Amino acid sequence: GDSTVCYFPPTDAGGRWGWGQALSNGNFFSSNVVINDMASSGRSSKSFYDEGKWAACLATHANYYFIQFGHNDGKTTDPTRYTDPQTTFKYYLTNYIYQARTNGGIPVLITPPTRRNYSAEHTLKLDDLQDYALAMRQVATNLIVPLLDALPASIDFFEFIGKTNAPFYQATNTSTTPPTPGGDGTHFSPAGAQQHCYLVIEQLLN
């Protein structure tokens, strides 16, 4: 996965947490379950694969591989990361799935959490994440892969709480001067990462 999933150190300027970090730190599973968060900030399905990060995941010989991409796949100006939802994105997902299975693991696809770009107090602007989530659903159906469809639940949650309350769940936006606490519409605060864990676990239980 990408920065919405990965581990951030306590010194991170934005106070960011990935939901995988919250999952690793939380008491969500019995003690015999080991969670290894190997997500990496800024990566797409393509760059994570091409940089050898997926090979490092396979080297752990995990029982399950939870795979979430989409946030950086839409960067059309960056050929090292961009994938087309219906072609190259599906190609890389297919590689992950077949290689996980060949390695003795069970792949699980997860649609990405929403970006929080509000057009009104309780309405989010939808973006290209919808296209990547659709592609992921199609791959999951065609290859009979478990899918945790967290994107719609994420949208529902942030539209329910509204623009006014969203900053509590968001990291600090460090690109503004001065930085804007709770102003990061992509990355989670610890509370946001914990909340997204609940949405993923709900999908897992269903």
N, C-alpha and C. Protein backbone atom coordinates (compact mmCIF):
# COMPACT_ATOMS: atom_id res chain seq x y z
N GLY A 1 0.82 -1.20 0.00
CA GLY A 1 0.00 0.00 0.00
C GLY A 1 0.85 1.26 0.00
N ASP A 2 0.17 2.40 0.19
CA ASP A 2 0.82 3.71 0.11
C ASP A 2 0.79 4.42 1.45
N SER A 3 0.86 5.76 1.43
CA SER A 3 0.96 6.53 2.66
C SER A 3 -0.30 6.47 3.52
N THR A 4 -1.43 6.13 2.94
CA THR A 4 -2.64 6.00 3.75
C THR A 4 -2.62 4.74 4.60
N VAL A 5 -1.67 3.84 4.30
CA VAL A 5 -1.56 2.56 5.01
C VAL A 5 -0.31 2.49 5.88
N CYS A 6 0.77 3.17 5.47
CA CYS A 6 2.10 2.85 5.99
C CYS A 6 2.36 3.40 7.39
N TYR A 7 3.48 2.99 7.95
CA TYR A 7 3.97 3.45 9.25
C TYR A 7 4.68 4.80 9.09
N PHE A 8 4.37 5.73 9.97
CA PHE A 8 5.10 7.00 10.05
C PHE A 8 5.75 7.12 11.43
N PRO A 9 6.96 7.64 11.51
CA PRO A 9 7.63 7.79 12.80
C PRO A 9 6.97 8.89 13.63
N PRO A 10 7.16 8.86 14.94
CA PRO A 10 6.58 9.90 15.81
C PRO A 10 7.04 11.31 15.45
N THR A 11 8.18 11.42 14.76
CA THR A 11 8.73 12.73 14.40
C THR A 11 8.11 13.30 13.12
N ASP A 12 7.17 12.58 12.50
CA ASP A 12 6.58 13.07 11.24
C ASP A 12 5.97 14.45 11.45
N ALA A 13 6.32 15.39 10.58
CA ALA A 13 5.90 16.80 10.75
C ALA A 13 4.39 16.97 10.71
N GLY A 14 3.72 16.14 9.94
CA GLY A 14 2.27 16.25 9.84
C GLY A 14 1.52 15.43 10.86
N GLY A 15 2.25 14.68 11.68
CA GLY A 15 1.58 13.81 12.64
C GLY A 15 0.78 12.71 11.97
N ARG A 16 1.25 12.28 10.79
CA ARG A 16 0.50 11.31 9.99
C ARG A 16 0.58 9.90 10.57
N TRP A 17 -0.52 9.18 10.40
CA TRP A 17 -0.57 7.75 10.69
C TRP A 17 -1.23 7.07 9.51
N GLY A 18 -0.70 5.91 9.10
CA GLY A 18 -1.40 5.06 8.16
C GLY A 18 -2.34 4.13 8.91
N TRP A 19 -3.40 3.70 8.26
CA TRP A 19 -4.33 2.82 8.99
C TRP A 19 -3.69 1.47 9.28
N GLY A 20 -2.71 1.04 8.47
CA GLY A 20 -1.97 -0.18 8.78
C GLY A 20 -1.17 -0.05 10.06
N GLN A 21 -0.67 1.16 10.31
CA GLN A 21 0.05 1.44 11.55
C GLN A 21 -0.88 1.30 12.75
N ALA A 22 -2.09 1.83 12.62
CA ALA A 22 -3.07 1.71 13.70
C ALA A 22 -3.49 0.26 13.89
N LEU A 23 -3.58 -0.47 12.80
CA LEU A 23 -3.94 -1.88 12.89
C LEU A 23 -2.87 -2.67 13.62
N SER A 24 -1.60 -2.34 13.35
CA SER A 24 -0.48 -3.03 14.01
C SER A 24 -0.44 -2.71 15.50
N ASN A 25 -0.80 -1.47 15.86
CA ASN A 25 -0.71 -1.04 17.25
C ASN A 25 -1.96 -1.36 18.06
N GLY A 26 -3.05 -1.67 17.37
CA GLY A 26 -4.32 -1.88 18.04
C GLY A 26 -4.52 -3.32 18.50
N ASN A 27 -5.58 -3.51 19.24
CA ASN A 27 -5.91 -4.84 19.77
C ASN A 27 -7.07 -5.41 18.96
N PHE A 28 -6.82 -5.60 17.64
CA PHE A 28 -7.88 -6.03 16.75
C PHE A 28 -7.94 -7.54 16.57
N PHE A 29 -6.82 -8.23 16.84
CA PHE A 29 -6.75 -9.66 16.58
C PHE A 29 -6.22 -10.38 17.82
N SER A 30 -6.35 -11.69 17.82
CA SER A 30 -5.78 -12.48 18.90
C SER A 30 -4.26 -12.42 18.84
N SER A 31 -3.63 -12.83 19.92
CA SER A 31 -2.20 -12.62 20.08
C SER A 31 -1.35 -13.44 19.12
N ASN A 32 -1.94 -14.44 18.47
CA ASN A 32 -1.14 -15.27 17.56
C ASN A 32 -1.13 -14.74 16.13
N VAL A 33 -1.69 -13.55 15.92
CA VAL A 33 -1.69 -12.91 14.60
C VAL A 33 -0.58 -11.86 14.55
N VAL A 34 0.30 -11.99 13.56
CA VAL A 34 1.39 -11.04 13.38
C VAL A 34 1.07 -10.16 12.17
N ILE A 35 1.09 -8.84 12.37
CA ILE A 35 0.80 -7.89 11.30
C ILE A 35 2.11 -7.20 10.92
N ASN A 36 2.47 -7.28 9.66
CA ASN A 36 3.71 -6.67 9.17
C ASN A 36 3.33 -5.61 8.14
N ASP A 37 3.33 -4.34 8.56
CA ASP A 37 2.94 -3.24 7.68
C ASP A 37 4.14 -2.86 6.80
N MET A 38 4.10 -3.27 5.53
CA MET A 38 5.19 -3.01 4.60
C MET A 38 4.81 -2.00 3.53
N ALA A 39 3.73 -1.25 3.78
CA ALA A 39 3.32 -0.20 2.85
C ALA A 39 4.39 0.89 2.81
N SER A 40 4.39 1.67 1.74
CA SER A 40 5.44 2.68 1.54
C SER A 40 4.83 3.96 0.97
N SER A 41 5.13 5.07 1.60
CA SER A 41 4.55 6.36 1.22
C SER A 41 4.89 6.72 -0.23
N GLY A 42 3.91 7.26 -0.92
CA GLY A 42 4.13 7.77 -2.27
C GLY A 42 4.10 6.75 -3.38
N ARG A 43 3.87 5.49 -3.04
CA ARG A 43 3.95 4.46 -4.07
C ARG A 43 2.59 4.17 -4.70
N SER A 44 2.66 3.77 -5.95
CA SER A 44 1.50 3.28 -6.68
C SER A 44 1.64 1.78 -6.85
N SER A 45 0.65 1.15 -7.46
CA SER A 45 0.76 -0.29 -7.72
C SER A 45 1.97 -0.58 -8.61
N LYS A 46 2.31 0.37 -9.48
CA LYS A 46 3.44 0.19 -10.40
C LYS A 46 4.78 0.40 -9.69
N SER A 47 4.95 1.53 -9.01
CA SER A 47 6.25 1.83 -8.41
C SER A 47 6.56 0.88 -7.25
N PHE A 48 5.55 0.48 -6.50
CA PHE A 48 5.78 -0.47 -5.41
C PHE A 48 6.32 -1.79 -5.96
N TYR A 49 5.79 -2.18 -7.10
CA TYR A 49 6.24 -3.42 -7.75
C TYR A 49 7.61 -3.24 -8.38
N ASP A 50 7.76 -2.16 -9.16
CA ASP A 50 9.00 -1.95 -9.92
C ASP A 50 10.21 -1.70 -9.02
N GLU A 51 10.00 -1.13 -7.85
CA GLU A 51 11.10 -0.82 -6.93
C GLU A 51 11.53 -2.03 -6.09
N GLY A 52 10.84 -3.16 -6.26
CA GLY A 52 11.21 -4.35 -5.51
C GLY A 52 10.57 -4.46 -4.14
N LYS A 53 9.67 -3.55 -3.82
CA LYS A 53 9.03 -3.59 -2.51
C LYS A 53 8.07 -4.78 -2.40
N TRP A 54 7.45 -5.13 -3.52
CA TRP A 54 6.58 -6.31 -3.52
C TRP A 54 7.40 -7.58 -3.34
N ALA A 55 8.55 -7.64 -3.95
CA ALA A 55 9.42 -8.80 -3.77
C ALA A 55 9.79 -8.98 -2.30
N ALA A 56 10.01 -7.86 -1.60
CA ALA A 56 10.31 -7.92 -0.17
C ALA A 56 9.12 -8.46 0.62
N CYS A 57 7.92 -8.11 0.20
CA CYS A 57 6.72 -8.66 0.84
C CYS A 57 6.64 -10.17 0.66
N LEU A 58 6.88 -10.62 -0.56
CA LEU A 58 6.83 -12.06 -0.85
C LEU A 58 7.87 -12.82 -0.02
N ALA A 59 9.00 -12.18 0.24
CA ALA A 59 10.07 -12.84 0.99
C ALA A 59 9.68 -13.14 2.43
N THR A 60 8.61 -12.52 2.93
CA THR A 60 8.15 -12.80 4.29
C THR A 60 7.34 -14.08 4.36
N HIS A 61 6.89 -14.59 3.21
CA HIS A 61 6.07 -15.81 3.14
C HIS A 61 4.85 -15.69 4.07
N ALA A 62 4.14 -14.61 3.93
CA ALA A 62 2.97 -14.36 4.76
C ALA A 62 1.82 -15.30 4.38
N ASN A 63 0.90 -15.45 5.32
CA ASN A 63 -0.31 -16.23 5.04
C ASN A 63 -1.30 -15.42 4.20
N TYR A 64 -1.36 -14.12 4.46
CA TYR A 64 -2.26 -13.22 3.75
C TYR A 64 -1.49 -11.98 3.29
N TYR A 65 -1.85 -11.48 2.12
CA TYR A 65 -1.28 -10.23 1.60
C TYR A 65 -2.44 -9.27 1.33
N PHE A 66 -2.51 -8.21 2.14
CA PHE A 66 -3.55 -7.21 1.98
C PHE A 66 -3.01 -6.09 1.09
N ILE A 67 -3.67 -5.84 -0.03
CA ILE A 67 -3.14 -4.99 -1.10
C ILE A 67 -4.09 -3.83 -1.36
N GLN A 68 -3.61 -2.60 -1.15
CA GLN A 68 -4.42 -1.40 -1.38
C GLN A 68 -3.61 -0.35 -2.14
N PHE A 69 -4.07 0.01 -3.32
CA PHE A 69 -3.45 1.09 -4.10
C PHE A 69 -4.54 1.94 -4.74
N GLY A 70 -4.12 3.04 -5.36
CA GLY A 70 -5.05 3.93 -6.04
C GLY A 70 -4.72 5.40 -5.88
N HIS A 71 -4.25 5.79 -4.68
CA HIS A 71 -4.01 7.20 -4.41
C HIS A 71 -2.93 7.81 -5.31
N ASN A 72 -1.90 7.04 -5.64
CA ASN A 72 -0.81 7.57 -6.45
C ASN A 72 -0.82 7.03 -7.88
N ASP A 73 -1.72 6.11 -8.17
CA ASP A 73 -1.79 5.56 -9.52
C ASP A 73 -2.32 6.57 -10.53
N GLY A 74 -3.03 7.57 -10.07
CA GLY A 74 -3.63 8.56 -10.97
C GLY A 74 -2.72 9.72 -11.31
N LYS A 75 -1.44 9.67 -10.94
CA LYS A 75 -0.52 10.79 -11.19
C LYS A 75 -0.04 10.73 -12.65
N THR A 76 -0.83 11.32 -13.53
CA THR A 76 -0.60 11.20 -14.97
C THR A 76 0.72 11.80 -15.43
N THR A 77 1.26 12.75 -14.66
CA THR A 77 2.52 13.40 -15.06
C THR A 77 3.77 12.63 -14.61
N ASP A 78 3.57 11.53 -13.90
CA ASP A 78 4.71 10.76 -13.38
C ASP A 78 4.67 9.34 -13.94
N PRO A 79 5.44 9.05 -14.98
CA PRO A 79 5.40 7.73 -15.61
C PRO A 79 5.90 6.61 -14.72
N THR A 80 6.63 6.95 -13.65
CA THR A 80 7.09 5.89 -12.74
C THR A 80 5.97 5.40 -11.83
N ARG A 81 4.88 6.19 -11.75
CA ARG A 81 3.77 5.80 -10.85
C ARG A 81 2.43 5.62 -11.56
N TYR A 82 2.22 6.35 -12.64
CA TYR A 82 0.89 6.34 -13.25
C TYR A 82 0.51 4.98 -13.81
N THR A 83 -0.74 4.59 -13.55
CA THR A 83 -1.34 3.43 -14.21
C THR A 83 -2.74 3.81 -14.68
N ASP A 84 -3.14 3.23 -15.79
CA ASP A 84 -4.51 3.40 -16.28
C ASP A 84 -5.40 2.39 -15.55
N PRO A 85 -6.54 2.82 -15.01
CA PRO A 85 -7.36 1.92 -14.21
C PRO A 85 -7.72 0.61 -14.89
N GLN A 86 -8.05 0.67 -16.17
CA GLN A 86 -8.55 -0.51 -16.86
C GLN A 86 -7.47 -1.35 -17.54
N THR A 87 -6.24 -0.86 -17.56
CA THR A 87 -5.19 -1.64 -18.24
C THR A 87 -4.01 -1.91 -17.31
N THR A 88 -3.11 -0.95 -17.15
CA THR A 88 -1.90 -1.21 -16.37
C THR A 88 -2.19 -1.43 -14.89
N PHE A 89 -3.18 -0.75 -14.33
CA PHE A 89 -3.54 -0.98 -12.92
C PHE A 89 -3.97 -2.43 -12.72
N LYS A 90 -4.82 -2.91 -13.62
CA LYS A 90 -5.25 -4.30 -13.53
C LYS A 90 -4.09 -5.26 -13.75
N TYR A 91 -3.17 -4.88 -14.62
CA TYR A 91 -2.00 -5.72 -14.89
C TYR A 91 -1.19 -5.92 -13.61
N TYR A 92 -0.91 -4.83 -12.90
CA TYR A 92 -0.11 -4.95 -11.68
C TYR A 92 -0.88 -5.69 -10.59
N LEU A 93 -2.16 -5.42 -10.44
CA LEU A 93 -2.94 -6.16 -9.46
C LEU A 93 -2.92 -7.66 -9.75
N THR A 94 -3.02 -8.00 -11.01
CA THR A 94 -2.99 -9.41 -11.40
C THR A 94 -1.65 -10.05 -11.04
N ASN A 95 -0.56 -9.32 -11.25
CA ASN A 95 0.75 -9.81 -10.84
C ASN A 95 0.80 -10.08 -9.34
N TYR A 96 0.31 -9.13 -8.56
CA TYR A 96 0.29 -9.31 -7.10
C TYR A 96 -0.48 -10.58 -6.73
N ILE A 97 -1.62 -10.75 -7.34
CA ILE A 97 -2.49 -11.86 -6.98
C ILE A 97 -1.85 -13.21 -7.32
N TYR A 98 -1.40 -13.36 -8.55
CA TYR A 98 -0.83 -14.64 -8.96
C TYR A 98 0.47 -14.95 -8.20
N GLN A 99 1.28 -13.93 -7.96
CA GLN A 99 2.54 -14.17 -7.27
C GLN A 99 2.32 -14.47 -5.79
N ALA A 100 1.33 -13.83 -5.18
CA ALA A 100 1.00 -14.16 -3.78
C ALA A 100 0.56 -15.61 -3.67
N ARG A 101 -0.29 -16.02 -4.60
CA ARG A 101 -0.78 -17.40 -4.57
C ARG A 101 0.34 -18.39 -4.84
N THR A 102 1.20 -18.08 -5.79
CA THR A 102 2.34 -18.96 -6.07
C THR A 102 3.24 -19.08 -4.86
N ASN A 103 3.30 -18.03 -4.07
CA ASN A 103 4.15 -17.98 -2.87
C ASN A 103 3.48 -18.64 -1.66
N GLY A 104 2.28 -19.17 -1.86
CA GLY A 104 1.59 -19.86 -0.79
C GLY A 104 0.70 -18.98 0.07
N GLY A 105 0.50 -17.73 -0.34
CA GLY A 105 -0.33 -16.81 0.44
C GLY A 105 -1.67 -16.56 -0.20
N ILE A 106 -2.55 -15.92 0.54
CA ILE A 106 -3.88 -15.56 0.06
C ILE A 106 -3.92 -14.05 -0.14
N PRO A 107 -4.09 -13.57 -1.38
CA PRO A 107 -4.18 -12.13 -1.61
C PRO A 107 -5.57 -11.60 -1.26
N VAL A 108 -5.61 -10.42 -0.69
CA VAL A 108 -6.87 -9.73 -0.37
C VAL A 108 -6.76 -8.31 -0.88
N LEU A 109 -7.68 -7.88 -1.71
CA LEU A 109 -7.68 -6.52 -2.25
C LEU A 109 -8.50 -5.60 -1.35
N ILE A 110 -8.04 -4.35 -1.21
CA ILE A 110 -8.74 -3.36 -0.40
C ILE A 110 -8.85 -2.07 -1.21
N THR A 111 -10.06 -1.58 -1.39
CA THR A 111 -10.21 -0.29 -2.08
C THR A 111 -9.75 0.84 -1.15
N PRO A 112 -9.20 1.92 -1.71
CA PRO A 112 -8.54 2.95 -0.89
C PRO A 112 -9.53 3.82 -0.12
N PRO A 113 -9.06 4.46 0.96
CA PRO A 113 -9.89 5.43 1.66
C PRO A 113 -10.09 6.68 0.82
N THR A 114 -11.20 7.34 1.03
CA THR A 114 -11.53 8.52 0.24
C THR A 114 -10.61 9.70 0.56
N ARG A 115 -10.44 10.58 -0.41
CA ARG A 115 -9.89 11.90 -0.14
C ARG A 115 -11.02 12.77 0.39
N ARG A 116 -10.68 13.74 1.24
CA ARG A 116 -11.72 14.56 1.85
C ARG A 116 -11.75 15.95 1.22
N ASN A 117 -12.22 16.00 -0.02
CA ASN A 117 -12.42 17.27 -0.71
C ASN A 117 -13.92 17.54 -0.73
N TYR A 118 -14.35 18.45 0.12
CA TYR A 118 -15.79 18.68 0.30
C TYR A 118 -16.30 19.74 -0.68
N SER A 119 -17.45 19.46 -1.26
CA SER A 119 -18.15 20.47 -2.07
C SER A 119 -19.25 21.15 -1.26
N ALA A 120 -19.63 20.54 -0.15
CA ALA A 120 -20.59 21.10 0.79
C ALA A 120 -20.33 20.45 2.14
N GLU A 121 -21.00 20.89 3.19
CA GLU A 121 -20.72 20.39 4.53
C GLU A 121 -20.77 18.87 4.62
N HIS A 122 -21.72 18.24 3.96
CA HIS A 122 -21.87 16.79 4.05
C HIS A 122 -21.78 16.11 2.68
N THR A 123 -21.03 16.72 1.77
CA THR A 123 -20.88 16.15 0.42
C THR A 123 -19.43 16.21 -0.01
N LEU A 124 -18.88 15.05 -0.40
CA LEU A 124 -17.52 14.99 -0.90
C LEU A 124 -17.51 15.05 -2.43
N LYS A 125 -16.46 15.66 -2.97
CA LYS A 125 -16.24 15.60 -4.41
C LYS A 125 -15.62 14.24 -4.74
N LEU A 126 -16.22 13.50 -5.63
CA LEU A 126 -15.68 12.21 -6.03
C LEU A 126 -14.60 12.41 -7.09
N ASP A 127 -13.62 11.52 -7.12
CA ASP A 127 -12.48 11.71 -8.01
C ASP A 127 -12.06 10.38 -8.63
N ASP A 128 -10.81 10.32 -9.11
CA ASP A 128 -10.37 9.13 -9.85
C ASP A 128 -10.24 7.89 -8.97
N LEU A 129 -10.32 8.02 -7.66
CA LEU A 129 -10.30 6.83 -6.81
C LEU A 129 -11.46 5.90 -7.13
N GLN A 130 -12.57 6.49 -7.61
CA GLN A 130 -13.71 5.67 -8.00
C GLN A 130 -13.34 4.73 -9.15
N ASP A 131 -12.54 5.22 -10.08
CA ASP A 131 -12.14 4.41 -11.24
C ASP A 131 -11.22 3.27 -10.82
N TYR A 132 -10.31 3.56 -9.90
CA TYR A 132 -9.38 2.52 -9.44
C TYR A 132 -10.11 1.50 -8.56
N ALA A 133 -11.06 1.96 -7.78
CA ALA A 133 -11.84 1.03 -6.97
C ALA A 133 -12.68 0.11 -7.85
N LEU A 134 -13.27 0.67 -8.91
CA LEU A 134 -14.05 -0.13 -9.85
C LEU A 134 -13.19 -1.21 -10.48
N ALA A 135 -12.00 -0.82 -10.93
CA ALA A 135 -11.07 -1.79 -11.53
C ALA A 135 -10.71 -2.89 -10.54
N MET A 136 -10.51 -2.50 -9.29
CA MET A 136 -10.17 -3.49 -8.26
C MET A 136 -11.32 -4.47 -8.04
N ARG A 137 -12.55 -3.96 -8.03
CA ARG A 137 -13.71 -4.84 -7.88
C ARG A 137 -13.81 -5.83 -9.03
N GLN A 138 -13.53 -5.32 -10.23
CA GLN A 138 -13.60 -6.19 -11.41
C GLN A 138 -12.55 -7.29 -11.37
N VAL A 139 -11.33 -6.92 -10.97
CA VAL A 139 -10.26 -7.92 -10.85
C VAL A 139 -10.62 -8.95 -9.78
N ALA A 140 -11.14 -8.48 -8.66
CA ALA A 140 -11.51 -9.39 -7.58
C ALA A 140 -12.56 -10.40 -8.04
N THR A 141 -13.53 -9.93 -8.81
CA THR A 141 -14.57 -10.83 -9.32
C THR A 141 -13.99 -11.82 -10.32
N ASN A 142 -13.19 -11.32 -11.25
CA ASN A 142 -12.67 -12.17 -12.32
C ASN A 142 -11.70 -13.22 -11.81
N LEU A 143 -10.91 -12.87 -10.80
CA LEU A 143 -9.88 -13.79 -10.30
C LEU A 143 -10.27 -14.45 -8.97
N ILE A 144 -11.50 -14.21 -8.55
CA ILE A 144 -12.04 -14.80 -7.32
C ILE A 144 -11.12 -14.49 -6.13
N VAL A 145 -10.96 -13.21 -5.89
CA VAL A 145 -10.10 -12.72 -4.81
C VAL A 145 -10.98 -12.03 -3.76
N PRO A 146 -10.75 -12.27 -2.48
CA PRO A 146 -11.49 -11.52 -1.45
C PRO A 146 -11.26 -10.02 -1.61
N LEU A 147 -12.33 -9.25 -1.46
CA LEU A 147 -12.26 -7.80 -1.60
C LEU A 147 -12.86 -7.13 -0.37
N LEU A 148 -12.10 -6.24 0.24
CA LEU A 148 -12.61 -5.38 1.31
C LEU A 148 -12.87 -4.01 0.69
N ASP A 149 -14.14 -3.72 0.43
CA ASP A 149 -14.50 -2.51 -0.31
C ASP A 149 -14.68 -1.35 0.66
N ALA A 150 -13.55 -0.79 1.09
CA ALA A 150 -13.56 0.24 2.14
C ALA A 150 -13.89 1.63 1.62
N LEU A 151 -13.75 1.88 0.32
CA LEU A 151 -13.97 3.23 -0.20
C LEU A 151 -15.39 3.74 0.05
N PRO A 152 -16.44 2.99 -0.30
CA PRO A 152 -17.79 3.51 -0.04
C PRO A 152 -18.04 3.77 1.44
N ALA A 153 -17.54 2.90 2.32
CA ALA A 153 -17.72 3.10 3.75
C ALA A 153 -16.98 4.35 4.22
N SER A 154 -15.80 4.61 3.64
CA SER A 154 -15.02 5.80 3.98
C SER A 154 -15.75 7.06 3.55
N ILE A 155 -16.31 7.03 2.35
CA ILE A 155 -17.10 8.18 1.88
C ILE A 155 -18.29 8.42 2.79
N ASP A 156 -19.01 7.36 3.12
CA ASP A 156 -20.20 7.49 3.98
C ASP A 156 -19.82 8.11 5.33
N PHE A 157 -18.70 7.66 5.88
CA PHE A 157 -18.29 8.17 7.20
C PHE A 157 -18.00 9.66 7.14
N PHE A 158 -17.19 10.08 6.16
CA PHE A 158 -16.79 11.50 6.13
C PHE A 158 -17.93 12.41 5.67
N GLU A 159 -18.85 11.90 4.90
CA GLU A 159 -20.02 12.71 4.57
C GLU A 159 -20.94 12.81 5.79
N PHE A 160 -21.00 11.77 6.59
CA PHE A 160 -21.84 11.79 7.79
C PHE A 160 -21.31 12.79 8.82
N ILE A 161 -19.99 12.75 9.08
CA ILE A 161 -19.46 13.66 10.11
C ILE A 161 -19.36 15.09 9.60
N GLY A 162 -19.16 15.26 8.29
CA GLY A 162 -19.15 16.58 7.69
C GLY A 162 -17.80 17.29 7.72
N LYS A 163 -17.70 18.32 6.93
CA LYS A 163 -16.46 19.09 6.76
C LYS A 163 -15.97 19.70 8.07
N THR A 164 -16.91 20.14 8.92
CA THR A 164 -16.53 20.81 10.17
C THR A 164 -15.80 19.86 11.11
N ASN A 165 -16.23 18.60 11.16
CA ASN A 165 -15.66 17.64 12.09
C ASN A 165 -14.51 16.83 11.51
N ALA A 166 -14.32 16.88 10.20
CA ALA A 166 -13.30 16.06 9.54
C ALA A 166 -11.87 16.32 10.03
N PRO A 167 -11.47 17.57 10.36
CA PRO A 167 -10.08 17.81 10.75
C PRO A 167 -9.58 16.96 11.92
N PHE A 168 -10.47 16.54 12.80
CA PHE A 168 -10.06 15.69 13.93
C PHE A 168 -9.43 14.39 13.44
N TYR A 169 -9.86 13.93 12.29
CA TYR A 169 -9.41 12.65 11.75
C TYR A 169 -8.28 12.81 10.72
N GLN A 170 -7.84 14.03 10.52
CA GLN A 170 -6.87 14.32 9.46
C GLN A 170 -5.55 14.83 10.02
N ALA A 171 -4.47 14.54 9.29
CA ALA A 171 -3.15 15.00 9.68
C ALA A 171 -3.02 16.50 9.42
N THR A 172 -1.93 17.08 9.91
CA THR A 172 -1.62 18.49 9.68
C THR A 172 -1.15 18.69 8.24
N ASN A 173 -1.66 19.71 7.60
CA ASN A 173 -1.22 20.07 6.26
C ASN A 173 0.04 20.92 6.37
N THR A 174 1.19 20.32 6.05
CA THR A 174 2.47 21.02 6.21
C THR A 174 2.84 21.85 4.99
N SER A 175 2.01 21.84 3.94
CA SER A 175 2.32 22.62 2.74
C SER A 175 1.85 24.06 2.84
N THR A 176 1.12 24.39 3.91
CA THR A 176 0.66 25.77 4.10
C THR A 176 1.58 26.48 5.09
N THR A 177 1.54 27.81 5.06
CA THR A 177 2.33 28.62 5.99
C THR A 177 1.38 29.54 6.76
N PRO A 178 1.20 29.35 8.06
CA PRO A 178 1.76 28.24 8.86
C PRO A 178 1.05 26.93 8.55
N PRO A 179 1.58 25.79 9.00
CA PRO A 179 0.90 24.51 8.80
C PRO A 179 -0.52 24.54 9.37
N THR A 180 -1.41 23.79 8.74
CA THR A 180 -2.82 23.79 9.13
C THR A 180 -3.16 22.49 9.85
N PRO A 181 -3.33 22.54 11.18
CA PRO A 181 -3.70 21.31 11.90
C PRO A 181 -5.03 20.76 11.37
N GLY A 182 -5.04 19.47 11.06
CA GLY A 182 -6.26 18.84 10.57
C GLY A 182 -6.60 19.20 9.14
N GLY A 183 -5.67 19.85 8.43
CA GLY A 183 -5.98 20.33 7.08
C GLY A 183 -5.60 19.39 5.95
N ASP A 184 -5.07 18.23 6.27
CA ASP A 184 -4.61 17.28 5.25
C ASP A 184 -5.78 16.39 4.84
N GLY A 185 -6.27 16.59 3.61
CA GLY A 185 -7.43 15.85 3.12
C GLY A 185 -7.13 14.48 2.58
N THR A 186 -5.87 14.03 2.68
CA THR A 186 -5.49 12.69 2.21
C THR A 186 -5.04 11.79 3.35
N HIS A 187 -4.18 12.33 4.23
CA HIS A 187 -3.56 11.50 5.27
C HIS A 187 -4.32 11.57 6.59
N PHE A 188 -4.16 10.52 7.38
CA PHE A 188 -4.89 10.40 8.64
C PHE A 188 -4.09 10.93 9.82
N SER A 189 -4.79 11.44 10.82
CA SER A 189 -4.27 11.59 12.17
C SER A 189 -4.36 10.22 12.84
N PRO A 190 -3.79 10.04 14.04
CA PRO A 190 -3.98 8.75 14.72
C PRO A 190 -5.44 8.37 14.88
N ALA A 191 -6.30 9.35 15.17
CA ALA A 191 -7.73 9.06 15.32
C ALA A 191 -8.34 8.63 13.99
N GLY A 192 -7.92 9.26 12.91
CA GLY A 192 -8.43 8.89 11.59
C GLY A 192 -7.98 7.51 11.16
N ALA A 193 -6.72 7.19 11.46
CA ALA A 193 -6.21 5.86 11.14
C ALA A 193 -6.96 4.80 11.91
N GLN A 194 -7.22 5.07 13.19
CA GLN A 194 -7.97 4.13 14.02
C GLN A 194 -9.38 3.96 13.48
N GLN A 195 -10.01 5.06 13.11
CA GLN A 195 -11.37 4.99 12.58
C GLN A 195 -11.42 4.18 11.29
N HIS A 196 -10.42 4.38 10.41
CA HIS A 196 -10.44 3.61 9.16
C HIS A 196 -10.21 2.13 9.42
N CYS A 197 -9.45 1.81 10.47
CA CYS A 197 -9.32 0.41 10.87
C CYS A 197 -10.68 -0.22 11.13
N TYR A 198 -11.54 0.53 11.82
CA TYR A 198 -12.87 -0.01 12.12
C TYR A 198 -13.62 -0.34 10.83
N LEU A 199 -13.48 0.53 9.82
CA LEU A 199 -14.18 0.30 8.55
C LEU A 199 -13.62 -0.93 7.85
N VAL A 200 -12.29 -1.09 7.89
CA VAL A 200 -11.67 -2.27 7.24
C VAL A 200 -12.04 -3.54 7.98
N ILE A 201 -12.00 -3.50 9.30
CA ILE A 201 -12.35 -4.69 10.09
C ILE A 201 -13.81 -5.07 9.86
N GLU A 202 -14.68 -4.07 9.74
CA GLU A 202 -16.09 -4.35 9.45
C GLU A 202 -16.23 -5.08 8.13
N GLN A 203 -15.47 -4.65 7.12
CA GLN A 203 -15.48 -5.35 5.84
C GLN A 203 -14.94 -6.77 5.99
N LEU A 204 -13.91 -6.93 6.80
CA LEU A 204 -13.29 -8.24 7.01
C LEU A 204 -14.28 -9.20 7.67
N LEU A 205 -15.05 -8.70 8.62
CA LEU A 205 -16.00 -9.54 9.33
C LEU A 205 -17.19 -9.92 8.47
N ASN A 206 -17.47 -9.09 7.46
CA ASN A 206 -18.60 -9.39 6.57
C ASN A 206 -18.20 -10.36 5.47
